[in-house]
N, C-alpha and C. Protein backbone atom coordinates (compact mmCIF):
# COMPACT_ATOMS: atom_id res chain seq x y z
N UNK A 1 6.66 0.22 17.57
CA UNK A 1 8.10 0.00 17.67
C UNK A 1 8.73 0.27 16.30
N UNK A 2 9.74 1.08 16.26
CA UNK A 2 10.38 1.37 14.98
C UNK A 2 11.47 0.35 14.68
N UNK A 3 11.75 0.19 13.41
CA UNK A 3 12.77 -0.75 12.95
C UNK A 3 14.07 -0.01 12.70
N UNK A 4 15.17 -0.75 12.71
CA UNK A 4 16.48 -0.15 12.45
C UNK A 4 16.66 0.21 10.99
N UNK A 5 16.03 -0.55 10.09
CA UNK A 5 16.23 -0.35 8.66
C UNK A 5 14.94 -0.72 7.92
N UNK A 6 14.71 -0.11 6.75
CA UNK A 6 13.53 -0.47 5.96
C UNK A 6 13.58 -1.94 5.56
N UNK A 7 12.40 -2.57 5.54
CA UNK A 7 12.31 -3.97 5.16
C UNK A 7 11.69 -4.07 3.77
N UNK A 8 12.13 -5.07 3.02
CA UNK A 8 11.66 -5.27 1.65
C UNK A 8 11.19 -6.70 1.49
N UNK A 9 9.97 -6.85 0.98
CA UNK A 9 9.41 -8.19 0.82
C UNK A 9 10.11 -8.94 -0.29
N UNK A 10 10.52 -10.16 0.02
CA UNK A 10 11.11 -11.05 -0.96
C UNK A 10 10.98 -12.47 -0.40
N UNK A 11 10.58 -13.39 -1.24
CA UNK A 11 10.43 -14.78 -0.81
C UNK A 11 11.51 -15.63 -1.47
N UNK A 12 12.45 -16.08 -0.64
CA UNK A 12 13.54 -16.93 -1.11
C UNK A 12 13.58 -18.19 -0.28
N UNK A 13 13.68 -19.37 -0.91
CA UNK A 13 13.88 -20.58 -0.13
C UNK A 13 15.18 -20.43 0.67
N UNK A 14 15.12 -20.77 1.95
CA UNK A 14 16.24 -20.56 2.85
C UNK A 14 16.47 -21.79 3.71
N UNK A 15 17.72 -22.18 3.85
CA UNK A 15 18.08 -23.26 4.75
C UNK A 15 18.63 -22.64 6.03
N UNK A 16 18.07 -23.06 7.16
CA UNK A 16 18.47 -22.55 8.46
C UNK A 16 19.09 -23.69 9.26
N UNK A 17 20.28 -23.44 9.78
CA UNK A 17 20.97 -24.46 10.57
C UNK A 17 21.53 -23.84 11.84
N UNK A 18 21.08 -24.31 13.01
CA UNK A 18 21.68 -23.81 14.26
C UNK A 18 23.17 -24.16 14.31
N UNK A 19 24.01 -23.23 14.71
CA UNK A 19 25.45 -23.46 14.71
C UNK A 19 25.90 -24.44 15.79
N UNK A 20 25.14 -24.56 16.87
CA UNK A 20 25.54 -25.45 17.94
C UNK A 20 24.76 -26.77 17.91
N UNK A 21 24.42 -27.21 16.73
CA UNK A 21 23.71 -28.48 16.60
C UNK A 21 22.21 -28.28 16.53
N UNK A 22 21.57 -29.20 15.92
CA UNK A 22 20.13 -29.12 15.73
C UNK A 22 19.81 -29.47 14.30
N UNK A 23 18.55 -29.55 14.04
CA UNK A 23 18.10 -29.96 12.72
C UNK A 23 18.15 -28.82 11.71
N UNK A 24 18.46 -29.19 10.49
CA UNK A 24 18.42 -28.27 9.36
C UNK A 24 16.96 -28.02 9.02
N UNK A 25 16.59 -26.77 8.77
CA UNK A 25 15.21 -26.41 8.48
C UNK A 25 15.17 -25.65 7.16
N UNK A 26 14.20 -25.98 6.32
CA UNK A 26 14.00 -25.24 5.08
C UNK A 26 12.76 -24.37 5.26
N UNK A 27 12.90 -23.08 4.95
CA UNK A 27 11.80 -22.14 5.08
C UNK A 27 11.91 -21.09 3.97
N UNK A 28 11.21 -19.98 4.10
CA UNK A 28 11.26 -18.89 3.11
C UNK A 28 11.43 -17.56 3.82
N UNK A 29 12.12 -16.65 3.15
CA UNK A 29 12.19 -15.30 3.69
C UNK A 29 10.84 -14.63 3.50
N UNK A 30 10.45 -13.81 4.46
CA UNK A 30 9.26 -12.98 4.35
C UNK A 30 9.68 -11.59 3.89
N UNK A 31 10.73 -11.08 4.52
CA UNK A 31 11.30 -9.79 4.12
C UNK A 31 12.74 -9.74 4.60
N UNK A 32 13.50 -8.80 4.02
CA UNK A 32 14.90 -8.62 4.39
C UNK A 32 15.18 -7.13 4.57
N UNK A 33 16.25 -6.84 5.28
CA UNK A 33 16.71 -5.47 5.44
C UNK A 33 18.23 -5.50 5.51
N UNK A 34 18.84 -4.35 5.63
CA UNK A 34 20.30 -4.30 5.72
C UNK A 34 20.82 -5.00 6.96
N UNK A 35 19.98 -5.13 7.99
CA UNK A 35 20.44 -5.69 9.26
C UNK A 35 19.86 -7.06 9.60
N UNK A 36 18.86 -7.52 8.83
CA UNK A 36 18.27 -8.80 9.20
C UNK A 36 17.27 -9.33 8.21
N UNK A 37 16.60 -10.39 8.67
CA UNK A 37 15.65 -11.10 7.82
C UNK A 37 14.53 -11.66 8.68
N UNK A 38 13.34 -11.70 8.12
CA UNK A 38 12.20 -12.36 8.75
C UNK A 38 11.92 -13.61 7.94
N UNK A 39 11.81 -14.75 8.65
CA UNK A 39 11.62 -16.04 7.99
C UNK A 39 10.26 -16.63 8.34
N UNK A 40 9.50 -17.02 7.32
CA UNK A 40 8.30 -17.82 7.53
C UNK A 40 8.74 -19.24 7.78
N UNK A 41 8.37 -19.79 8.92
CA UNK A 41 8.82 -21.14 9.26
C UNK A 41 7.89 -21.78 10.27
N UNK A 42 7.78 -23.08 10.19
CA UNK A 42 7.03 -23.83 11.18
C UNK A 42 7.97 -24.33 12.28
N UNK A 43 9.28 -24.20 12.06
CA UNK A 43 10.27 -24.66 13.04
C UNK A 43 10.44 -23.60 14.12
N UNK A 44 10.61 -24.05 15.34
CA UNK A 44 10.79 -23.13 16.44
C UNK A 44 12.25 -23.14 16.84
N UNK A 45 12.85 -21.97 16.91
CA UNK A 45 14.21 -21.80 17.42
C UNK A 45 14.14 -20.70 18.46
N UNK A 46 14.69 -20.92 19.64
CA UNK A 46 14.59 -19.92 20.69
C UNK A 46 15.40 -18.65 20.39
N UNK A 47 14.91 -17.55 20.93
CA UNK A 47 15.65 -16.28 20.84
C UNK A 47 17.04 -16.51 21.40
N UNK A 48 18.04 -15.99 20.71
CA UNK A 48 19.42 -16.14 21.13
C UNK A 48 20.17 -17.23 20.39
N UNK A 49 19.44 -18.06 19.61
CA UNK A 49 20.10 -19.12 18.85
C UNK A 49 20.89 -18.52 17.70
N UNK A 50 22.15 -18.88 17.60
CA UNK A 50 22.98 -18.44 16.47
C UNK A 50 22.77 -19.43 15.33
N UNK A 51 22.49 -18.91 14.14
CA UNK A 51 22.14 -19.75 12.99
C UNK A 51 22.95 -19.36 11.76
N UNK A 52 23.04 -20.32 10.86
CA UNK A 52 23.58 -20.10 9.52
C UNK A 52 22.39 -20.11 8.57
N UNK A 53 22.29 -19.10 7.73
CA UNK A 53 21.22 -19.01 6.73
C UNK A 53 21.86 -19.14 5.35
N UNK A 54 21.32 -20.02 4.53
CA UNK A 54 21.85 -20.19 3.18
C UNK A 54 20.70 -20.08 2.19
N UNK A 55 20.90 -19.27 1.18
CA UNK A 55 19.92 -19.14 0.09
C UNK A 55 20.63 -18.71 -1.18
N UNK A 56 19.88 -18.70 -2.27
CA UNK A 56 20.45 -18.34 -3.57
C UNK A 56 19.96 -16.96 -3.97
N UNK A 57 20.89 -16.12 -4.35
CA UNK A 57 20.56 -14.78 -4.84
C UNK A 57 19.87 -14.94 -6.19
N UNK A 58 18.61 -14.49 -6.32
CA UNK A 58 17.89 -14.69 -7.58
C UNK A 58 18.48 -13.92 -8.75
N UNK A 59 19.17 -12.82 -8.48
CA UNK A 59 19.74 -12.02 -9.57
C UNK A 59 21.00 -12.66 -10.15
N UNK A 60 21.86 -13.19 -9.28
CA UNK A 60 23.13 -13.73 -9.75
C UNK A 60 23.17 -15.25 -9.82
N UNK A 61 22.25 -15.90 -9.09
CA UNK A 61 22.24 -17.36 -9.04
C UNK A 61 23.29 -17.95 -8.12
N UNK A 62 23.99 -17.10 -7.37
CA UNK A 62 25.02 -17.59 -6.46
C UNK A 62 24.44 -17.87 -5.08
N UNK A 63 25.03 -18.87 -4.40
CA UNK A 63 24.63 -19.18 -3.04
C UNK A 63 25.24 -18.15 -2.10
N UNK A 64 24.47 -17.81 -1.09
CA UNK A 64 24.90 -16.84 -0.11
C UNK A 64 24.66 -17.42 1.28
N UNK A 65 25.65 -17.34 2.14
CA UNK A 65 25.51 -17.79 3.52
C UNK A 65 25.80 -16.63 4.44
N UNK A 66 24.92 -16.43 5.42
CA UNK A 66 25.13 -15.41 6.44
C UNK A 66 24.92 -16.05 7.80
N UNK A 67 25.53 -15.45 8.81
CA UNK A 67 25.38 -15.90 10.19
C UNK A 67 24.55 -14.85 10.92
N UNK A 68 23.66 -15.32 11.77
CA UNK A 68 22.84 -14.38 12.52
C UNK A 68 22.33 -14.96 13.82
N UNK A 69 21.67 -14.12 14.59
CA UNK A 69 21.07 -14.51 15.86
C UNK A 69 19.56 -14.34 15.77
N UNK A 70 18.83 -15.35 16.26
CA UNK A 70 17.38 -15.23 16.35
C UNK A 70 17.08 -14.19 17.43
N UNK A 71 16.36 -13.14 17.04
CA UNK A 71 16.05 -12.06 17.97
C UNK A 71 14.55 -11.89 18.21
N UNK A 72 13.75 -12.61 17.43
CA UNK A 72 12.30 -12.47 17.57
C UNK A 72 11.60 -13.75 17.13
N UNK A 73 10.54 -14.10 17.87
CA UNK A 73 9.68 -15.22 17.50
C UNK A 73 8.26 -14.68 17.38
N UNK A 74 7.58 -15.04 16.32
CA UNK A 74 6.19 -14.64 16.13
C UNK A 74 5.40 -15.92 15.94
N UNK A 75 4.33 -16.08 16.73
CA UNK A 75 3.52 -17.29 16.62
C UNK A 75 2.29 -17.10 15.76
N UNK A 76 1.74 -15.89 15.73
CA UNK A 76 0.50 -15.67 15.00
C UNK A 76 0.59 -14.41 14.18
N UNK A 77 -0.07 -14.31 13.06
CA UNK A 77 -0.97 -15.29 12.46
C UNK A 77 -0.22 -16.46 11.82
N UNK A 78 1.03 -16.25 11.40
CA UNK A 78 1.85 -17.34 10.87
C UNK A 78 3.16 -17.35 11.63
N UNK A 79 3.68 -18.54 11.95
CA UNK A 79 4.96 -18.59 12.67
C UNK A 79 6.08 -17.95 11.85
N UNK A 80 6.92 -17.19 12.53
CA UNK A 80 8.04 -16.52 11.86
C UNK A 80 9.16 -16.29 12.87
N UNK A 81 10.36 -16.15 12.34
CA UNK A 81 11.53 -15.83 13.15
C UNK A 81 12.19 -14.58 12.60
N UNK A 82 12.63 -13.71 13.49
CA UNK A 82 13.42 -12.55 13.11
C UNK A 82 14.87 -12.85 13.41
N UNK A 83 15.74 -12.67 12.42
CA UNK A 83 17.16 -12.96 12.58
C UNK A 83 17.97 -11.69 12.30
N UNK A 84 18.82 -11.32 13.25
CA UNK A 84 19.74 -10.20 13.08
C UNK A 84 21.00 -10.76 12.44
N UNK A 85 21.35 -10.26 11.25
CA UNK A 85 22.53 -10.75 10.53
C UNK A 85 23.78 -10.12 11.13
N UNK A 86 24.77 -10.96 11.43
CA UNK A 86 26.02 -10.51 12.02
C UNK A 86 27.03 -10.25 10.91
N UNK A 87 27.57 -9.05 10.89
CA UNK A 87 28.56 -8.65 9.89
C UNK A 87 28.15 -9.06 8.47
N UNK A 88 27.06 -8.46 7.96
CA UNK A 88 26.59 -8.82 6.62
C UNK A 88 27.66 -8.62 5.55
N UNK A 89 27.88 -9.61 4.70
CA UNK A 89 28.87 -9.45 3.63
C UNK A 89 28.34 -8.52 2.53
N UNK A 90 29.21 -8.12 1.64
CA UNK A 90 28.83 -7.23 0.53
C UNK A 90 27.71 -7.85 -0.30
N UNK A 91 27.72 -9.16 -0.47
CA UNK A 91 26.68 -9.84 -1.26
C UNK A 91 25.30 -9.66 -0.64
N UNK A 92 25.25 -9.58 0.70
CA UNK A 92 23.98 -9.37 1.39
C UNK A 92 23.43 -7.99 1.03
N UNK A 93 24.31 -7.00 1.04
CA UNK A 93 23.88 -5.64 0.73
C UNK A 93 23.38 -5.53 -0.72
N UNK A 94 23.98 -6.29 -1.63
CA UNK A 94 23.52 -6.32 -3.02
C UNK A 94 22.13 -6.95 -3.08
N UNK A 95 21.92 -8.04 -2.35
CA UNK A 95 20.61 -8.70 -2.32
C UNK A 95 19.53 -7.75 -1.81
N UNK A 96 19.84 -7.01 -0.73
CA UNK A 96 18.87 -6.05 -0.17
C UNK A 96 18.59 -4.93 -1.16
N UNK A 97 19.62 -4.43 -1.80
CA UNK A 97 19.44 -3.37 -2.81
C UNK A 97 18.56 -3.85 -3.95
N UNK A 98 18.78 -5.06 -4.42
CA UNK A 98 17.94 -5.61 -5.50
C UNK A 98 16.50 -5.80 -5.05
N UNK A 99 16.30 -6.22 -3.80
CA UNK A 99 14.93 -6.38 -3.27
C UNK A 99 14.25 -5.02 -3.18
N UNK A 100 15.00 -3.99 -2.80
CA UNK A 100 14.44 -2.63 -2.70
C UNK A 100 13.99 -2.11 -4.05
N UNK A 101 14.70 -2.49 -5.10
CA UNK A 101 14.33 -2.04 -6.45
C UNK A 101 13.05 -2.69 -6.94
N UNK A 102 12.67 -3.81 -6.35
CA UNK A 102 11.46 -4.51 -6.77
C UNK A 102 10.20 -3.86 -6.19
N UNK A 103 10.38 -2.95 -5.24
CA UNK A 103 9.24 -2.31 -4.57
C UNK A 103 8.58 -1.33 -5.49
């Protein structure tokens, strides 16, 4: 299966909060792309859940919040969630560009 955009490995502490209620979860990014993010997490959120993701850009030190939909669940070898970012802000594109430069 091909991806929509190249993915770049980066590990950032991330806070995940379902928009329609639910517990706040702290996890880490596994990789990011222009259209989404893969999160290493032990928390289970069903496909279709709309979430708020908050993390700090390591280059600028600023907090960044994006909204997305859970589009994939992976149980093995490590639990992970795939989130499609909805209308990524300019700061997201800067974060992805900086992650790409680290490759």
